[in-house]
Amino acid sequence: MLSILSTFAHLFTANTTFSDQIQQFLQSDSFKTGMTQLHQNILHTLSYQVNFKTARIVLLSSGIIIIFGVVGESFFRRTGIPDVPILMGLGILLGPIFGVVTSIR
Protein backbone atom coordinates (compact mmCIF):
# COMPACT_ATOMS: atom_id res chain seq x y z
CA MET A 1 0.00 0.00 0.00
CA LEU A 2 2.92 2.31 0.74
CA SER A 3 4.31 1.76 -2.75
CA ILE A 4 0.97 2.81 -4.24
CA LEU A 5 1.00 6.03 -2.25
CA SER A 6 4.62 6.80 -3.14
CA THR A 7 3.88 6.24 -6.83
CA PHE A 8 0.83 8.45 -6.58
CA ALA A 9 2.85 11.19 -4.83
CA HIS A 10 5.66 10.91 -7.39
CA LEU A 11 3.24 11.35 -10.29
CA PHE A 12 1.92 14.60 -8.86
CA THR A 13 5.37 16.16 -8.69
CA ALA A 14 5.82 15.85 -12.48
CA ASN A 15 4.77 18.62 -14.86
CA THR A 16 1.83 16.86 -16.53
CA THR A 17 -1.90 17.44 -16.53
CA PHE A 18 -4.06 15.97 -13.81
CA SER A 19 -5.70 13.59 -16.26
CA ASP A 20 -2.32 12.31 -17.44
CA GLN A 21 -1.16 11.84 -13.85
CA ILE A 22 -4.23 9.80 -12.98
CA GLN A 23 -3.84 7.74 -16.15
CA GLN A 24 -0.17 7.04 -15.36
CA PHE A 25 -1.04 6.08 -11.81
CA LEU A 26 -3.76 3.65 -12.90
CA GLN A 27 -1.38 2.01 -15.38
CA SER A 28 1.54 1.73 -12.95
CA ASP A 29 2.72 -1.71 -11.84
CA SER A 30 2.59 -0.82 -8.16
CA PHE A 31 -1.10 0.11 -8.45
CA LYS A 32 -1.93 -3.11 -10.30
CA THR A 33 0.02 -5.21 -7.79
CA GLY A 34 -1.64 -3.45 -4.85
CA MET A 35 -5.10 -3.94 -6.30
CA THR A 36 -4.41 -7.61 -6.99
CA GLN A 37 -3.24 -8.15 -3.42
CA LEU A 38 -6.27 -6.29 -2.05
CA HIS A 39 -8.61 -8.38 -4.19
CA GLN A 40 -6.97 -11.62 -3.01
CA ASN A 41 -7.15 -10.53 0.63
CA ILE A 42 -10.84 -9.67 0.32
CA LEU A 43 -11.66 -13.01 -1.33
CA HIS A 44 -9.62 -14.90 1.27
CA THR A 45 -11.37 -13.10 4.14
CA LEU A 46 -14.85 -13.59 2.69
CA SER A 47 -14.32 -17.25 1.90
CA TYR A 48 -13.64 -18.04 5.55
CA GLN A 49 -16.30 -15.83 7.12
CA VAL A 50 -19.36 -16.79 5.06
CA ASN A 51 -21.38 -19.56 6.64
CA PHE A 52 -24.17 -20.56 4.26
CA LYS A 53 -26.04 -22.56 6.88
CA THR A 54 -26.31 -19.44 9.01
CA ALA A 55 -27.40 -17.42 5.98
CA ARG A 56 -30.19 -19.91 5.25
CA ILE A 57 -31.43 -19.74 8.81
CA VAL A 58 -31.40 -15.94 8.79
CA LEU A 59 -33.27 -15.79 5.48
CA LEU A 60 -35.78 -18.42 6.58
CA SER A 61 -36.38 -16.66 9.88
CA SER A 62 -36.75 -13.30 8.15
CA GLY A 63 -39.24 -14.75 5.69
CA ILE A 64 -41.28 -16.37 8.45
CA ILE A 65 -41.32 -13.14 10.45
CA ILE A 66 -42.44 -11.14 7.41
CA ILE A 67 -45.20 -13.64 6.64
CA PHE A 68 -46.40 -13.56 10.25
CA GLY A 69 -46.22 -9.76 10.13
CA VAL A 70 -48.52 -9.63 7.10
CA VAL A 71 -50.89 -12.16 8.69
CA GLY A 72 -50.74 -10.21 11.95
CA GLU A 73 -51.56 -6.96 10.15
CA SER A 74 -54.56 -8.62 8.49
CA PHE A 75 -55.60 -10.00 11.87
CA PHE A 76 -55.23 -6.53 13.39
CA ARG A 77 -57.40 -4.89 10.76
CA ARG A 78 -60.19 -7.41 11.32
CA THR A 79 -60.11 -7.61 15.12
CA GLY A 80 -58.51 -4.36 16.29
CA ILE A 81 -55.83 -6.27 18.27
CA PRO A 82 -52.30 -4.90 17.65
CA ASP A 83 -49.84 -7.09 15.74
CA VAL A 84 -46.82 -6.13 17.87
CA PRO A 85 -47.54 -8.66 20.66
CA ILE A 86 -47.91 -11.39 18.02
CA LEU A 87 -44.52 -10.53 16.48
CA MET A 88 -42.91 -10.36 19.93
CA GLY A 89 -44.30 -13.78 20.77
CA LEU A 90 -43.01 -15.16 17.48
CA GLY A 91 -39.57 -13.73 18.27
CA ILE A 92 -39.60 -15.42 21.66
CA LEU A 93 -40.62 -18.73 20.07
CA LEU A 94 -37.89 -18.56 17.40
CA GLY A 95 -35.18 -17.37 19.78
CA PRO A 96 -35.07 -18.66 23.35
CA ILE A 97 -37.67 -21.43 23.13
CA PHE A 98 -36.87 -23.27 19.85
CA GLY A 99 -33.33 -21.95 19.44
CA VAL A 100 -33.68 -21.26 15.71
CA VAL A 101 -32.14 -17.81 16.16
CA THR A 102 -29.33 -17.49 18.69
CA SER A 103 -27.11 -14.62 19.72
CA ILE A 104 -23.37 -14.78 19.15
CA ARG A 105 -21.49 -14.20 22.41
PDB file of N, CA and C in Angstrom:
ATOM      1  N   MET A   1       0.829  -1.193   0.000  1.00  0.00           N
ATOM      2  CA  MET A   1       0.000   0.000   0.000  1.00  0.00           C
ATOM      3  C   MET A   1       0.871   1.254   0.000  1.00  0.00           C
ATOM      4  N   LEU A   2       2.008   1.178   0.687  1.00  0.00           N
ATOM      5  CA  LEU A   2       2.917   2.315   0.739  1.00  0.00           C
ATOM      6  C   LEU A   2       3.496   2.607  -0.634  1.00  0.00           C
ATOM      7  N   SER A   3       3.766   1.553  -1.408  1.00  0.00           N
ATOM      8  CA  SER A   3       4.311   1.763  -2.750  1.00  0.00           C
ATOM      9  C   SER A   3       3.289   2.446  -3.656  1.00  0.00           C
ATOM     10  N   ILE A   4       2.025   2.151  -3.454  1.00  0.00           N
ATOM     11  CA  ILE A   4       0.973   2.809  -4.244  1.00  0.00           C
ATOM     12  C   ILE A   4       0.952   4.291  -3.927  1.00  0.00           C
ATOM     13  N   LEU A   5       1.034   4.632  -2.643  1.00  0.00           N
ATOM     14  CA  LEU A   5       0.998   6.032  -2.247  1.00  0.00           C
ATOM     15  C   LEU A   5       2.232   6.782  -2.724  1.00  0.00           C
ATOM     16  N   SER A   6       3.396   6.131  -2.672  1.00  0.00           N
ATOM     17  CA  SER A   6       4.620   6.801  -3.141  1.00  0.00           C
ATOM     18  C   SER A   6       4.571   7.024  -4.651  1.00  0.00           C
ATOM     19  N   THR A   7       4.032   6.059  -5.384  1.00  0.00           N
ATOM     20  CA  THR A   7       3.881   6.235  -6.832  1.00  0.00           C
ATOM     21  C   THR A   7       2.912   7.361  -7.135  1.00  0.00           C
ATOM     22  N   PHE A   8       1.835   7.412  -6.390  1.00  0.00           N
ATOM     23  CA  PHE A   8       0.830   8.455  -6.576  1.00  0.00           C
ATOM     24  C   PHE A   8       1.434   9.825  -6.270  1.00  0.00           C
ATOM     25  N   ALA A   9       2.208   9.922  -5.197  1.00  0.00           N
ATOM     26  CA  ALA A   9       2.848  11.187  -4.832  1.00  0.00           C
ATOM     27  C   ALA A   9       3.888  11.586  -5.879  1.00  0.00           C
ATOM     28  N   HIS A  10       4.642  10.626  -6.389  1.00  0.00           N
ATOM     29  CA  HIS A  10       5.665  10.906  -7.393  1.00  0.00           C
ATOM     30  C   HIS A  10       5.031  11.444  -8.680  1.00  0.00           C
ATOM     31  N   LEU A  11       3.898  10.909  -9.062  1.00  0.00           N
ATOM     32  CA  LEU A  11       3.244  11.347 -10.289  1.00  0.00           C
ATOM     33  C   LEU A  11       2.781  12.793 -10.197  1.00  0.00           C
ATOM     34  N   PHE A  12       2.416  13.238  -9.006  1.00  0.00           N
ATOM     35  CA  PHE A  12       1.915  14.597  -8.864  1.00  0.00           C
ATOM     36  C   PHE A  12       3.032  15.642  -8.799  1.00  0.00           C
ATOM     37  N   THR A  13       4.260  15.203  -8.676  1.00  0.00           N
ATOM     38  CA  THR A  13       5.366  16.157  -8.691  1.00  0.00           C
ATOM     39  C   THR A  13       5.827  16.452 -10.114  1.00  0.00           C
ATOM     40  N   ALA A  14       5.436  15.640 -11.085  1.00  0.00           N
ATOM     41  CA  ALA A  14       5.822  15.853 -12.484  1.00  0.00           C
ATOM     42  C   ALA A  14       4.990  16.975 -13.081  1.00  0.00           C
ATOM     43  N   ASN A  15       5.467  17.523 -14.191  1.00  0.00           N
ATOM     44  CA  ASN A  15       4.772  18.615 -14.865  1.00  0.00           C
ATOM     45  C   ASN A  15       3.868  18.065 -15.966  1.00  0.00           C
ATOM     46  N   THR A  16       2.813  17.380 -15.577  1.00  0.00           N
ATOM     47  CA  THR A  16       1.826  16.863 -16.531  1.00  0.00           C
ATOM     48  C   THR A  16       0.446  17.267 -16.053  1.00  0.00           C
ATOM     49  N   THR A  17      -0.540  17.081 -16.914  1.00  0.00           N
ATOM     50  CA  THR A  17      -1.897  17.437 -16.531  1.00  0.00           C
ATOM     51  C   THR A  17      -2.442  16.432 -15.517  1.00  0.00           C
ATOM     52  N   PHE A  18      -3.458  16.833 -14.827  1.00  0.00           N
ATOM     53  CA  PHE A  18      -4.059  15.970 -13.809  1.00  0.00           C
ATOM     54  C   PHE A  18      -4.566  14.673 -14.423  1.00  0.00           C
ATOM     55  N   SER A  19      -5.190  14.776 -15.584  1.00  0.00           N
ATOM     56  CA  SER A  19      -5.704  13.592 -16.262  1.00  0.00           C
ATOM     57  C   SER A  19      -4.578  12.627 -16.627  1.00  0.00           C
ATOM     58  N   ASP A  20      -3.470  13.161 -17.100  1.00  0.00           N
ATOM     59  CA  ASP A  20      -2.325  12.308 -17.436  1.00  0.00           C
ATOM     60  C   ASP A  20      -1.738  11.652 -16.194  1.00  0.00           C
ATOM     61  N   GLN A  21      -1.693  12.383 -15.097  1.00  0.00           N
ATOM     62  CA  GLN A  21      -1.159  11.844 -13.853  1.00  0.00           C
ATOM     63  C   GLN A  21      -2.017  10.689 -13.350  1.00  0.00           C
ATOM     64  N   ILE A  22      -3.316  10.869 -13.407  1.00  0.00           N
ATOM     65  CA  ILE A  22      -4.229   9.799 -12.982  1.00  0.00           C
ATOM     66  C   ILE A  22      -4.076   8.588 -13.896  1.00  0.00           C
ATOM     67  N   GLN A  23      -3.990   8.827 -15.191  1.00  0.00           N
ATOM     68  CA  GLN A  23      -3.837   7.736 -16.154  1.00  0.00           C
ATOM     69  C   GLN A  23      -2.543   6.968 -15.905  1.00  0.00           C
ATOM     70  N   GLN A  24      -1.442   7.682 -15.648  1.00  0.00           N
ATOM     71  CA  GLN A  24      -0.166   7.036 -15.363  1.00  0.00           C
ATOM     72  C   GLN A  24      -0.236   6.227 -14.075  1.00  0.00           C
ATOM     73  N   PHE A  25      -0.909   6.781 -13.080  1.00  0.00           N
ATOM     74  CA  PHE A  25      -1.037   6.075 -11.810  1.00  0.00           C
ATOM     75  C   PHE A  25      -1.831   4.780 -11.977  1.00  0.00           C
ATOM     76  N   LEU A  26      -2.930   4.839 -12.711  1.00  0.00           N
ATOM     77  CA  LEU A  26      -3.761   3.651 -12.898  1.00  0.00           C
ATOM     78  C   LEU A  26      -3.058   2.578 -13.719  1.00  0.00           C
ATOM     79  N   GLN A  27      -2.115   2.967 -14.554  1.00  0.00           N
ATOM     80  CA  GLN A  27      -1.384   2.011 -15.380  1.00  0.00           C
ATOM     81  C   GLN A  27      -0.078   1.548 -14.743  1.00  0.00           C
ATOM     82  N   SER A  28       0.267   2.098 -13.583  1.00  0.00           N
ATOM     83  CA  SER A  28       1.543   1.734 -12.946  1.00  0.00           C
ATOM     84  C   SER A  28       1.474   0.311 -12.383  1.00  0.00           C
ATOM     85  N   ASP A  29       2.631  -0.338 -12.348  1.00  0.00           N
ATOM     86  CA  ASP A  29       2.720  -1.709 -11.840  1.00  0.00           C
ATOM     87  C   ASP A  29       2.417  -1.784 -10.349  1.00  0.00           C
ATOM     88  N   SER A  30       2.835  -0.776  -9.602  1.00  0.00           N
ATOM     89  CA  SER A  30       2.586  -0.818  -8.159  1.00  0.00           C
ATOM     90  C   SER A  30       1.095  -0.743  -7.856  1.00  0.00           C
ATOM     91  N   PHE A  31       0.347   0.035  -8.638  1.00  0.00           N
ATOM     92  CA  PHE A  31      -1.097   0.109  -8.449  1.00  0.00           C
ATOM     93  C   PHE A  31      -1.748  -1.236  -8.778  1.00  0.00           C
ATOM     94  N   LYS A  32      -1.350  -1.828  -9.896  1.00  0.00           N
ATOM     95  CA  LYS A  32      -1.931  -3.114 -10.297  1.00  0.00           C
ATOM     96  C   LYS A  32      -1.607  -4.207  -9.287  1.00  0.00           C
ATOM     97  N   THR A  33      -0.367  -4.218  -8.788  1.00  0.00           N
ATOM     98  CA  THR A  33       0.023  -5.210  -7.787  1.00  0.00           C
ATOM     99  C   THR A  33      -0.758  -5.011  -6.494  1.00  0.00           C
ATOM    100  N   GLY A  34      -0.887  -3.752  -6.071  1.00  0.00           N
ATOM    101  CA  GLY A  34      -1.637  -3.451  -4.849  1.00  0.00           C
ATOM    102  C   GLY A  34      -3.091  -3.852  -4.959  1.00  0.00           C
ATOM    103  N   MET A  35      -3.698  -3.580  -6.104  1.00  0.00           N
ATOM    104  CA  MET A  35      -5.104  -3.938  -6.299  1.00  0.00           C
ATOM    105  C   MET A  35      -5.287  -5.453  -6.345  1.00  0.00           C
ATOM    106  N   THR A  36      -4.347  -6.145  -6.950  1.00  0.00           N
ATOM    107  CA  THR A  36      -4.411  -7.606  -6.994  1.00  0.00           C
ATOM    108  C   THR A  36      -4.312  -8.193  -5.596  1.00  0.00           C
ATOM    109  N   GLN A  37      -3.385  -7.672  -4.798  1.00  0.00           N
ATOM    110  CA  GLN A  37      -3.244  -8.151  -3.421  1.00  0.00           C
ATOM    111  C   GLN A  37      -4.489  -7.846  -2.596  1.00  0.00           C
ATOM    112  N   LEU A  38      -5.044  -6.655  -2.766  1.00  0.00           N
ATOM    113  CA  LEU A  38      -6.265  -6.288  -2.045  1.00  0.00           C
ATOM    114  C   LEU A  38      -7.415  -7.210  -2.426  1.00  0.00           C
ATOM    115  N   HIS A  39      -7.554  -7.490  -3.713  1.00  0.00           N
ATOM    116  CA  HIS A  39      -8.613  -8.378  -4.191  1.00  0.00           C
ATOM    117  C   HIS A  39      -8.454  -9.777  -3.600  1.00  0.00           C
ATOM    118  N   GLN A  40      -7.217 -10.293  -3.577  1.00  0.00           N
ATOM    119  CA  GLN A  40      -6.972 -11.622  -3.015  1.00  0.00           C
ATOM    120  C   GLN A  40      -7.257 -11.649  -1.517  1.00  0.00           C
ATOM    121  N   ASN A  41      -6.887 -10.590  -0.811  1.00  0.00           N
ATOM    122  CA  ASN A  41      -7.154 -10.527   0.627  1.00  0.00           C
ATOM    123  C   ASN A  41      -8.643 -10.492   0.918  1.00  0.00           C
ATOM    124  N   ILE A  42      -9.390  -9.745   0.127  1.00  0.00           N
ATOM    125  CA  ILE A  42     -10.836  -9.674   0.325  1.00  0.00           C
ATOM    126  C   ILE A  42     -11.481 -11.037   0.072  1.00  0.00           C
ATOM    127  N   LEU A  43     -11.095 -11.689  -1.030  1.00  0.00           N
ATOM    128  CA  LEU A  43     -11.657 -13.007  -1.328  1.00  0.00           C
ATOM    129  C   LEU A  43     -11.292 -14.023  -0.255  1.00  0.00           C
ATOM    130  N   HIS A  44     -10.059 -13.981   0.229  1.00  0.00           N
ATOM    131  CA  HIS A  44      -9.616 -14.901   1.275  1.00  0.00           C
ATOM    132  C   HIS A  44     -10.419 -14.681   2.562  1.00  0.00           C
ATOM    133  N   THR A  45     -10.617 -13.422   2.929  1.00  0.00           N
ATOM    134  CA  THR A  45     -11.371 -13.101   4.142  1.00  0.00           C
ATOM    135  C   THR A  45     -12.826 -13.537   4.005  1.00  0.00           C
ATOM    136  N   LEU A  46     -13.445 -13.243   2.877  1.00  0.00           N
ATOM    137  CA  LEU A  46     -14.855 -13.592   2.694  1.00  0.00           C
ATOM    138  C   LEU A  46     -15.068 -15.095   2.627  1.00  0.00           C
ATOM    139  N   SER A  47     -14.127 -15.816   2.046  1.00  0.00           N
ATOM    140  CA  SER A  47     -14.320 -17.253   1.896  1.00  0.00           C
ATOM    141  C   SER A  47     -14.323 -17.967   3.244  1.00  0.00           C
ATOM    142  N   TYR A  48     -13.673 -17.408   4.244  1.00  0.00           N
ATOM    143  CA  TYR A  48     -13.643 -18.042   5.550  1.00  0.00           C
ATOM    144  C   TYR A  48     -14.713 -17.528   6.492  1.00  0.00           C
ATOM    145  N   GLN A  49     -15.328 -16.397   6.204  1.00  0.00           N
ATOM    146  CA  GLN A  49     -16.301 -15.833   7.120  1.00  0.00           C
ATOM    147  C   GLN A  49     -17.747 -16.080   6.711  1.00  0.00           C
ATOM    148  N   VAL A  50     -17.992 -16.558   5.512  1.00  0.00           N
ATOM    149  CA  VAL A  50     -19.359 -16.790   5.063  1.00  0.00           C
ATOM    150  C   VAL A  50     -19.773 -18.196   5.466  1.00  0.00           C
ATOM    151  N   ASN A  51     -20.828 -18.282   6.222  1.00  0.00           N
ATOM    152  CA  ASN A  51     -21.379 -19.562   6.638  1.00  0.00           C
ATOM    153  C   ASN A  51     -22.774 -19.666   6.018  1.00  0.00           C
ATOM    154  N   PHE A  52     -22.919 -20.506   4.997  1.00  0.00           N
ATOM    155  CA  PHE A  52     -24.171 -20.558   4.259  1.00  0.00           C
ATOM    156  C   PHE A  52     -25.302 -21.158   5.083  1.00  0.00           C
ATOM    157  N   LYS A  53     -24.994 -22.017   6.030  1.00  0.00           N
ATOM    158  CA  LYS A  53     -26.035 -22.565   6.884  1.00  0.00           C
ATOM    159  C   LYS A  53     -26.650 -21.451   7.718  1.00  0.00           C
ATOM    160  N   THR A  54     -25.818 -20.576   8.246  1.00  0.00           N
ATOM    161  CA  THR A  54     -26.312 -19.441   9.013  1.00  0.00           C
ATOM    162  C   THR A  54     -27.127 -18.507   8.121  1.00  0.00           C
ATOM    163  N   ALA A  55     -26.673 -18.290   6.907  1.00  0.00           N
ATOM    164  CA  ALA A  55     -27.396 -17.419   5.984  1.00  0.00           C
ATOM    165  C   ALA A  55     -28.781 -17.988   5.680  1.00  0.00           C
ATOM    166  N   ARG A  56     -28.876 -19.280   5.506  1.00  0.00           N
ATOM    167  CA  ARG A  56     -30.187 -19.907   5.251  1.00  0.00           C
ATOM    168  C   ARG A  56     -31.118 -19.732   6.433  1.00  0.00           C
ATOM    169  N   ILE A  57     -30.594 -19.891   7.626  1.00  0.00           N
ATOM    170  CA  ILE A  57     -31.427 -19.740   8.814  1.00  0.00           C
ATOM    171  C   ILE A  57     -31.910 -18.300   8.945  1.00  0.00           C
ATOM    172  N   VAL A  58     -31.020 -17.350   8.697  1.00  0.00           N
ATOM    173  CA  VAL A  58     -31.400 -15.942   8.794  1.00  0.00           C
ATOM    174  C   VAL A  58     -32.464 -15.608   7.756  1.00  0.00           C
ATOM    175  N   LEU A  59     -32.284 -16.061   6.522  1.00  0.00           N
ATOM    176  CA  LEU A  59     -33.269 -15.787   5.477  1.00  0.00           C
ATOM    177  C   LEU A  59     -34.601 -16.468   5.769  1.00  0.00           C
ATOM    178  N   LEU A  60     -34.554 -17.701   6.234  1.00  0.00           N
ATOM    179  CA  LEU A  60     -35.776 -18.417   6.576  1.00  0.00           C
ATOM    180  C   LEU A  60     -36.504 -17.723   7.722  1.00  0.00           C
ATOM    181  N   SER A  61     -35.772 -17.348   8.734  1.00  0.00           N
ATOM    182  CA  SER A  61     -36.376 -16.656   9.877  1.00  0.00           C
ATOM    183  C   SER A  61     -36.970 -15.320   9.459  1.00  0.00           C
ATOM    184  N   SER A  62     -36.239 -14.584   8.630  1.00  0.00           N
ATOM    185  CA  SER A  62     -36.746 -13.296   8.152  1.00  0.00           C
ATOM    186  C   SER A  62     -38.028 -13.477   7.349  1.00  0.00           C
ATOM    187  N   GLY A  63     -38.037 -14.481   6.479  1.00  0.00           N
ATOM    188  CA  GLY A  63     -39.244 -14.748   5.689  1.00  0.00           C
ATOM    189  C   GLY A  63     -40.433 -15.128   6.546  1.00  0.00           C
ATOM    190  N   ILE A  64     -40.192 -15.962   7.544  1.00  0.00           N
ATOM    191  CA  ILE A  64     -41.277 -16.366   8.446  1.00  0.00           C
ATOM    192  C   ILE A  64     -41.804 -15.167   9.220  1.00  0.00           C
ATOM    193  N   ILE A  65     -40.888 -14.322   9.698  1.00  0.00           N
ATOM    194  CA  ILE A  65     -41.317 -13.145  10.451  1.00  0.00           C
ATOM    195  C   ILE A  65     -42.109 -12.192   9.569  1.00  0.00           C
ATOM    196  N   ILE A  66     -41.691 -12.019   8.320  1.00  0.00           N
ATOM    197  CA  ILE A  66     -42.438 -11.142   7.410  1.00  0.00           C
ATOM    198  C   ILE A  66     -43.818 -11.710   7.130  1.00  0.00           C
ATOM    199  N   ILE A  67     -43.895 -13.012   6.897  1.00  0.00           N
ATOM    200  CA  ILE A  67     -45.199 -13.641   6.645  1.00  0.00           C
ATOM    201  C   ILE A  67     -46.119 -13.469   7.852  1.00  0.00           C
ATOM    202  N   PHE A  68     -45.583 -13.743   9.048  1.00  0.00           N
ATOM    203  CA  PHE A  68     -46.397 -13.562  10.245  1.00  0.00           C
ATOM    204  C   PHE A  68     -46.758 -12.096  10.456  1.00  0.00           C
ATOM    205  N   GLY A  69     -45.901 -11.181  10.033  1.00  0.00           N
ATOM    206  CA  GLY A  69     -46.220  -9.755  10.132  1.00  0.00           C
ATOM    207  C   GLY A  69     -47.387  -9.377   9.238  1.00  0.00           C
ATOM    208  N   VAL A  70     -47.401  -9.908   8.020  1.00  0.00           N
ATOM    209  CA  VAL A  70     -48.515  -9.633   7.100  1.00  0.00           C
ATOM    210  C   VAL A  70     -49.807 -10.252   7.636  1.00  0.00           C
ATOM    211  N   VAL A  71     -49.704 -11.497   8.105  1.00  0.00           N
ATOM    212  CA  VAL A  71     -50.890 -12.159   8.686  1.00  0.00           C
ATOM    213  C   VAL A  71     -51.354 -11.399   9.925  1.00  0.00           C
ATOM    214  N   GLY A  72     -50.386 -10.970  10.748  1.00  0.00           N
ATOM    215  CA  GLY A  72     -50.742 -10.208  11.945  1.00  0.00           C
ATOM    216  C   GLY A  72     -51.409  -8.894  11.607  1.00  0.00           C
ATOM    217  N   GLU A  73     -50.938  -8.216  10.575  1.00  0.00           N
ATOM    218  CA  GLU A  73     -51.559  -6.964  10.150  1.00  0.00           C
ATOM    219  C   GLU A  73     -52.991  -7.198   9.676  1.00  0.00           C
ATOM    220  N   SER A  74     -53.193  -8.271   8.923  1.00  0.00           N
ATOM    221  CA  SER A  74     -54.556  -8.618   8.490  1.00  0.00           C
ATOM    222  C   SER A  74     -55.439  -8.926   9.692  1.00  0.00           C
ATOM    223  N   PHE A  75     -54.869  -9.674  10.638  1.00  0.00           N
ATOM    224  CA  PHE A  75     -55.599 -10.000  11.868  1.00  0.00           C
ATOM    225  C   PHE A  75     -55.936  -8.732  12.637  1.00  0.00           C
ATOM    226  N   PHE A  76     -55.008  -7.780  12.691  1.00  0.00           N
ATOM    227  CA  PHE A  76     -55.229  -6.525  13.394  1.00  0.00           C
ATOM    228  C   PHE A  76     -56.362  -5.728  12.757  1.00  0.00           C
ATOM    229  N   ARG A  77     -56.359  -5.667  11.438  1.00  0.00           N
ATOM    230  CA  ARG A  77     -57.403  -4.890  10.759  1.00  0.00           C
ATOM    231  C   ARG A  77     -58.799  -5.467  11.006  1.00  0.00           C
ATOM    232  N   ARG A  78     -58.886  -6.781  11.118  1.00  0.00           N
ATOM    233  CA  ARG A  78     -60.189  -7.406  11.320  1.00  0.00           C
ATOM    234  C   ARG A  78     -60.654  -7.350  12.772  1.00  0.00           C
ATOM    235  N   THR A  79     -59.709  -7.503  13.710  1.00  0.00           N
ATOM    236  CA  THR A  79     -60.106  -7.611  15.121  1.00  0.00           C
ATOM    237  C   THR A  79     -59.808  -6.368  15.942  1.00  0.00           C
ATOM    238  N   GLY A  80     -58.880  -5.526  15.504  1.00  0.00           N
ATOM    239  CA  GLY A  80     -58.506  -4.356  16.286  1.00  0.00           C
ATOM    240  C   GLY A  80     -57.424  -4.654  17.318  1.00  0.00           C
ATOM    241  N   ILE A  81     -56.909  -5.892  17.356  1.00  0.00           N
ATOM    242  CA  ILE A  81     -55.833  -6.265  18.267  1.00  0.00           C
ATOM    243  C   ILE A  81     -54.503  -5.920  17.585  1.00  0.00           C
ATOM    244  N   PRO A  82     -53.578  -5.265  18.280  1.00  0.00           N
ATOM    245  CA  PRO A  82     -52.300  -4.900  17.653  1.00  0.00           C
ATOM    246  C   PRO A  82     -51.476  -6.124  17.258  1.00  0.00           C
ATOM    247  N   ASP A  83     -50.670  -5.979  16.205  1.00  0.00           N
ATOM    248  CA  ASP A  83     -49.842  -7.090  15.737  1.00  0.00           C
ATOM    249  C   ASP A  83     -48.491  -7.159  16.438  1.00  0.00           C
ATOM    250  N   VAL A  84     -48.121  -6.139  17.182  1.00  0.00           N
ATOM    251  CA  VAL A  84     -46.824  -6.129  17.870  1.00  0.00           C
ATOM    252  C   VAL A  84     -46.699  -7.274  18.875  1.00  0.00           C
ATOM    253  N   PRO A  85     -47.690  -7.530  19.733  1.00  0.00           N
ATOM    254  CA  PRO A  85     -47.544  -8.665  20.661  1.00  0.00           C
ATOM    255  C   PRO A  85     -47.396 -10.011  19.943  1.00  0.00           C
ATOM    256  N   ILE A  86     -48.026 -10.146  18.786  1.00  0.00           N
ATOM    257  CA  ILE A  86     -47.913 -11.392  18.021  1.00  0.00           C
ATOM    258  C   ILE A  86     -46.473 -11.549  17.516  1.00  0.00           C
ATOM    259  N   LEU A  87     -45.895 -10.462  16.974  1.00  0.00           N
ATOM    260  CA  LEU A  87     -44.520 -10.527  16.483  1.00  0.00           C
ATOM    261  C   LEU A  87     -43.527 -10.740  17.626  1.00  0.00           C
ATOM    262  N   MET A  88     -43.788 -10.143  18.783  1.00  0.00           N
ATOM    263  CA  MET A  88     -42.912 -10.356  19.932  1.00  0.00           C
ATOM    264  C   MET A  88     -42.974 -11.811  20.387  1.00  0.00           C
ATOM    265  N   GLY A  89     -44.150 -12.372  20.396  1.00  0.00           N
ATOM    266  CA  GLY A  89     -44.304 -13.779  20.767  1.00  0.00           C
ATOM    267  C   GLY A  89     -43.604 -14.699  19.778  1.00  0.00           C
ATOM    268  N   LEU A  90     -43.703 -14.385  18.494  1.00  0.00           N
ATOM    269  CA  LEU A  90     -43.007 -15.162  17.476  1.00  0.00           C
ATOM    270  C   LEU A  90     -41.492 -15.081  17.669  1.00  0.00           C
ATOM    271  N   GLY A  91     -41.005 -13.894  18.010  1.00  0.00           N
ATOM    272  CA  GLY A  91     -39.573 -13.733  18.266  1.00  0.00           C
ATOM    273  C   GLY A  91     -39.116 -14.550  19.459  1.00  0.00           C
ATOM    274  N   ILE A  92     -39.932 -14.612  20.485  1.00  0.00           N
ATOM    275  CA  ILE A  92     -39.600 -15.419  21.664  1.00  0.00           C
ATOM    276  C   ILE A  92     -39.608 -16.900  21.311  1.00  0.00           C
ATOM    277  N   LEU A  93     -40.573 -17.326  20.490  1.00  0.00           N
ATOM    278  CA  LEU A  93     -40.621 -18.725  20.071  1.00  0.00           C
ATOM    279  C   LEU A  93     -39.400 -19.106  19.241  1.00  0.00           C
ATOM    280  N   LEU A  94     -39.016 -18.241  18.279  1.00  0.00           N
ATOM    281  CA  LEU A  94     -37.885 -18.559  17.403  1.00  0.00           C
ATOM    282  C   LEU A  94     -36.549 -18.441  18.117  1.00  0.00           C
ATOM    283  N   GLY A  95     -36.450 -17.591  19.092  1.00  0.00           N
ATOM    284  CA  GLY A  95     -35.182 -17.372  19.779  1.00  0.00           C
ATOM    285  C   GLY A  95     -34.979 -18.310  20.951  1.00  0.00           C
ATOM    286  N   PRO A  96     -35.377 -17.883  22.142  1.00  0.00           N
ATOM    287  CA  PRO A  96     -35.072 -18.655  23.350  1.00  0.00           C
ATOM    288  C   PRO A  96     -35.747 -20.025  23.435  1.00  0.00           C
ATOM    289  N   ILE A  97     -36.942 -20.169  22.925  1.00  0.00           N
ATOM    290  CA  ILE A  97     -37.666 -21.429  23.129  1.00  0.00           C
ATOM    291  C   ILE A  97     -37.200 -22.517  22.157  1.00  0.00           C
ATOM    292  N   PHE A  98     -37.263 -22.258  20.834  1.00  0.00           N
ATOM    293  CA  PHE A  98     -36.875 -23.271  19.850  1.00  0.00           C
ATOM    294  C   PHE A  98     -35.405 -23.187  19.462  1.00  0.00           C
ATOM    295  N   GLY A  99     -34.751 -22.084  19.736  1.00  0.00           N
ATOM    296  CA  GLY A  99     -33.328 -21.950  19.442  1.00  0.00           C
ATOM    297  C   GLY A  99     -32.999 -21.818  17.972  1.00  0.00           C
ATOM    298  N   VAL A 100     -33.954 -21.414  17.145  1.00  0.00           N
ATOM    299  CA  VAL A 100     -33.682 -21.256  15.714  1.00  0.00           C
ATOM    300  C   VAL A 100     -32.747 -20.067  15.509  1.00  0.00           C
ATOM    301  N   VAL A 101     -32.973 -18.995  16.234  1.00  0.00           N
ATOM    302  CA  VAL A 101     -32.135 -17.808  16.164  1.00  0.00           C
ATOM    303  C   VAL A 101     -31.432 -17.655  17.501  1.00  0.00           C
ATOM    304  N   THR A 102     -30.090 -17.638  17.466  1.00  0.00           N
ATOM    305  CA  THR A 102     -29.328 -17.488  18.691  1.00  0.00           C
ATOM    306  C   THR A 102     -28.421 -16.271  18.582  1.00  0.00           C
ATOM    307  N   SER A 103     -28.041 -15.748  19.731  1.00  0.00           N
ATOM    308  CA  SER A 103     -27.107 -14.618  19.718  1.00  0.00           C
ATOM    309  C   SER A 103     -25.679 -15.159  19.762  1.00  0.00           C
ATOM    310  N   ILE A 104     -24.776 -14.390  19.172  1.00  0.00           N
ATOM    311  CA  ILE A 104     -23.365 -14.783  19.153  1.00  0.00           C
ATOM    312  C   ILE A 104     -22.672 -14.051  20.290  1.00  0.00           C
ATOM    313  N   ARG A 105     -22.182 -14.793  21.263  1.00  0.00           N
ATOM    314  CA  ARG A 105     -21.489 -14.200  22.409  1.00  0.00           C
ATOM    315  C   ARG A 105     -20.221 -14.914  22.668  1.00  0.00           C
TER     316      ARG A 105
END
